[in-house]
Amino acid sequence: MLRLIRIGYLLLLGSEKYWRLVAHHAGRTKIGG
């Protein structure tokens, strides 16, 4: 259970950095939920 939460947390952090890079390069494109 803890491992799933830990993995999910890492995925959220990684995806946040990734989408920020994508948004930065895309400029006007917004990706979120």
PDB file of N, CA and C in Angstrom:
ATOM      1  N   MET A   1       0.842  -1.197   0.000  1.00  0.00           N
ATOM      2  CA  MET A   1       0.000   0.000   0.000  1.00  0.00           C
ATOM      3  C   MET A   1       0.881   1.253   0.000  1.00  0.00           C
ATOM      4  N   LEU A   2       1.835   1.271   0.911  1.00  0.00           N
ATOM      5  CA  LEU A   2       2.737   2.422   0.989  1.00  0.00           C
ATOM      6  C   LEU A   2       3.550   2.566  -0.288  1.00  0.00           C
ATOM      7  N   ARG A   3       3.898   1.418  -0.879  1.00  0.00           N
ATOM      8  CA  ARG A   3       4.711   1.461  -2.099  1.00  0.00           C
ATOM      9  C   ARG A   3       3.917   2.082  -3.240  1.00  0.00           C
ATOM     10  N   LEU A   4       2.631   1.771  -3.319  1.00  0.00           N
ATOM     11  CA  LEU A   4       1.786   2.346  -4.368  1.00  0.00           C
ATOM     12  C   LEU A   4       1.694   3.854  -4.209  1.00  0.00           C
ATOM     13  N   ILE A   5       1.525   4.298  -2.975  1.00  0.00           N
ATOM     14  CA  ILE A   5       1.434   5.738  -2.703  1.00  0.00           C
ATOM     15  C   ILE A   5       2.749   6.418  -3.072  1.00  0.00           C
ATOM     16  N   ARG A   6       3.837   5.750  -2.734  1.00  0.00           N
ATOM     17  CA  ARG A   6       5.165   6.300  -3.007  1.00  0.00           C
ATOM     18  C   ARG A   6       5.399   6.423  -4.510  1.00  0.00           C
ATOM     19  N   ILE A   7       5.050   5.363  -5.237  1.00  0.00           N
ATOM     20  CA  ILE A   7       5.208   5.364  -6.697  1.00  0.00           C
ATOM     21  C   ILE A   7       4.327   6.437  -7.325  1.00  0.00           C
ATOM     22  N   GLY A   8       3.085   6.532  -6.844  1.00  0.00           N
ATOM     23  CA  GLY A   8       2.158   7.534  -7.368  1.00  0.00           C
ATOM     24  C   GLY A   8       2.685   8.937  -7.144  1.00  0.00           C
ATOM     25  N   TYR A   9       3.286   9.152  -5.955  1.00  0.00           N
ATOM     26  CA  TYR A   9       3.831  10.465  -5.624  1.00  0.00           C
ATOM     27  C   TYR A   9       4.969  10.826  -6.565  1.00  0.00           C
ATOM     28  N   LEU A  10       5.850   9.850  -6.810  1.00  0.00           N
ATOM     29  CA  LEU A  10       6.974  10.075  -7.721  1.00  0.00           C
ATOM     30  C   LEU A  10       6.483  10.346  -9.135  1.00  0.00           C
ATOM     31  N   LEU A  11       5.429   9.630  -9.543  1.00  0.00           N
ATOM     32  CA  LEU A  11       4.866   9.832 -10.879  1.00  0.00           C
ATOM     33  C   LEU A  11       4.273  11.225 -11.007  1.00  0.00           C
ATOM     34  N   LEU A  12       3.622  11.694  -9.945  1.00  0.00           N
ATOM     35  CA  LEU A  12       3.026  13.030  -9.968  1.00  0.00           C
ATOM     36  C   LEU A  12       4.106  14.093 -10.098  1.00  0.00           C
ATOM     37  N   LEU A  13       5.198  13.921  -9.351  1.00  0.00           N
ATOM     38  CA  LEU A  13       6.300  14.880  -9.417  1.00  0.00           C
ATOM     39  C   LEU A  13       6.930  14.874 -10.802  1.00  0.00           C
ATOM     40  N   GLY A  14       7.177  13.679 -11.323  1.00  0.00           N
ATOM     41  CA  GLY A  14       7.795  13.541 -12.642  1.00  0.00           C
ATOM     42  C   GLY A  14       6.918  14.122 -13.733  1.00  0.00           C
ATOM     43  N   SER A  15       5.623  13.812 -13.669  1.00  0.00           N
ATOM     44  CA  SER A  15       4.694  14.290 -14.693  1.00  0.00           C
ATOM     45  C   SER A  15       4.563  15.807 -14.633  1.00  0.00           C
ATOM     46  N   GLU A  16       4.637  16.354 -13.396  1.00  0.00           N
ATOM     47  CA  GLU A  16       4.526  17.808 -13.244  1.00  0.00           C
ATOM     48  C   GLU A  16       5.687  18.503 -13.939  1.00  0.00           C
ATOM     49  N   LYS A  17       6.891  18.000 -13.722  1.00  0.00           N
ATOM     50  CA  LYS A  17       8.074  18.576 -14.367  1.00  0.00           C
ATOM     51  C   LYS A  17       7.985  18.414 -15.881  1.00  0.00           C
ATOM     52  N   TYR A  18       7.510  17.222 -16.307  1.00  0.00           N
ATOM     53  CA  TYR A  18       7.404  16.923 -17.734  1.00  0.00           C
ATOM     54  C   TYR A  18       6.420  17.857 -18.414  1.00  0.00           C
ATOM     55  N   TRP A  19       5.222  18.005 -17.811  1.00  0.00           N
ATOM     56  CA  TRP A  19       4.196  18.849 -18.419  1.00  0.00           C
ATOM     57  C   TRP A  19       4.608  20.315 -18.389  1.00  0.00           C
ATOM     58  N   ARG A  20       5.402  20.712 -17.381  1.00  0.00           N
ATOM     59  CA  ARG A  20       5.885  22.096 -17.336  1.00  0.00           C
ATOM     60  C   ARG A  20       6.837  22.354 -18.495  1.00  0.00           C
ATOM     61  N   LEU A  21       7.686  21.361 -18.792  1.00  0.00           N
ATOM     62  CA  LEU A  21       8.602  21.490 -19.929  1.00  0.00           C
ATOM     63  C   LEU A  21       7.824  21.551 -21.230  1.00  0.00           C
ATOM     64  N   VAL A  22       6.809  20.688 -21.352  1.00  0.00           N
ATOM     65  CA  VAL A  22       5.976  20.659 -22.553  1.00  0.00           C
ATOM     66  C   VAL A  22       5.263  21.996 -22.731  1.00  0.00           C
ATOM     67  N   ALA A  23       4.704  22.505 -21.639  1.00  0.00           N
ATOM     68  CA  ALA A  23       3.973  23.773 -21.692  1.00  0.00           C
ATOM     69  C   ALA A  23       4.930  24.912 -22.032  1.00  0.00           C
ATOM     70  N   HIS A  24       6.156  24.830 -21.521  1.00  0.00           N
ATOM     71  CA  HIS A  24       7.145  25.873 -21.772  1.00  0.00           C
ATOM     72  C   HIS A  24       7.521  25.905 -23.245  1.00  0.00           C
ATOM     73  N   HIS A  25       7.710  24.725 -23.840  1.00  0.00           N
ATOM     74  CA  HIS A  25       8.084  24.643 -25.249  1.00  0.00           C
ATOM     75  C   HIS A  25       6.893  24.940 -26.153  1.00  0.00           C
ATOM     76  N   ALA A  26       5.716  24.505 -25.723  1.00  0.00           N
ATOM     77  CA  ALA A  26       4.514  24.725 -26.526  1.00  0.00           C
ATOM     78  C   ALA A  26       4.088  26.186 -26.454  1.00  0.00           C
ATOM     79  N   GLY A  27       4.352  26.806 -25.292  1.00  0.00           N
ATOM     80  CA  GLY A  27       4.034  28.226 -25.145  1.00  0.00           C
ATOM     81  C   GLY A  27       2.586  28.449 -24.765  1.00  0.00           C
ATOM     82  N   ARG A  28       1.724  28.506 -25.766  1.00  0.00           N
ATOM     83  CA  ARG A  28       0.321  28.831 -25.524  1.00  0.00           C
ATOM     84  C   ARG A  28      -0.505  27.601 -25.157  1.00  0.00           C
ATOM     85  N   THR A  29       0.084  26.426 -25.319  1.00  0.00           N
ATOM     86  CA  THR A  29      -0.657  25.196 -25.040  1.00  0.00           C
ATOM     87  C   THR A  29      -0.737  24.939 -23.546  1.00  0.00           C
ATOM     88  N   LYS A  30      -1.936  24.654 -23.075  1.00  0.00           N
ATOM     89  CA  LYS A  30      -2.128  24.351 -21.653  1.00  0.00           C
ATOM     90  C   LYS A  30      -2.585  22.911 -21.485  1.00  0.00           C
ATOM     91  N   ILE A  31      -1.891  22.183 -20.612  1.00  0.00           N
ATOM     92  CA  ILE A  31      -2.267  20.795 -20.350  1.00  0.00           C
ATOM     93  C   ILE A  31      -2.486  20.614 -18.852  1.00  0.00           C
ATOM     94  N   GLY A  32      -3.668  20.195 -18.462  1.00  0.00           N
ATOM     95  CA  GLY A  32      -3.953  20.012 -17.046  1.00  0.00           C
ATOM     96  C   GLY A  32      -5.328  19.435 -16.833  1.00  0.00           C
ATOM     97  N   GLY A  33      -5.700  19.294 -15.548  1.00  0.00           N
ATOM     98  CA  GLY A  33      -6.983  18.690 -15.281  1.00  0.00           C
ATOM     99  C   GLY A  33      -7.687  19.289 -14.139  1.00  0.00           C
TER     100      GLY A  33
END
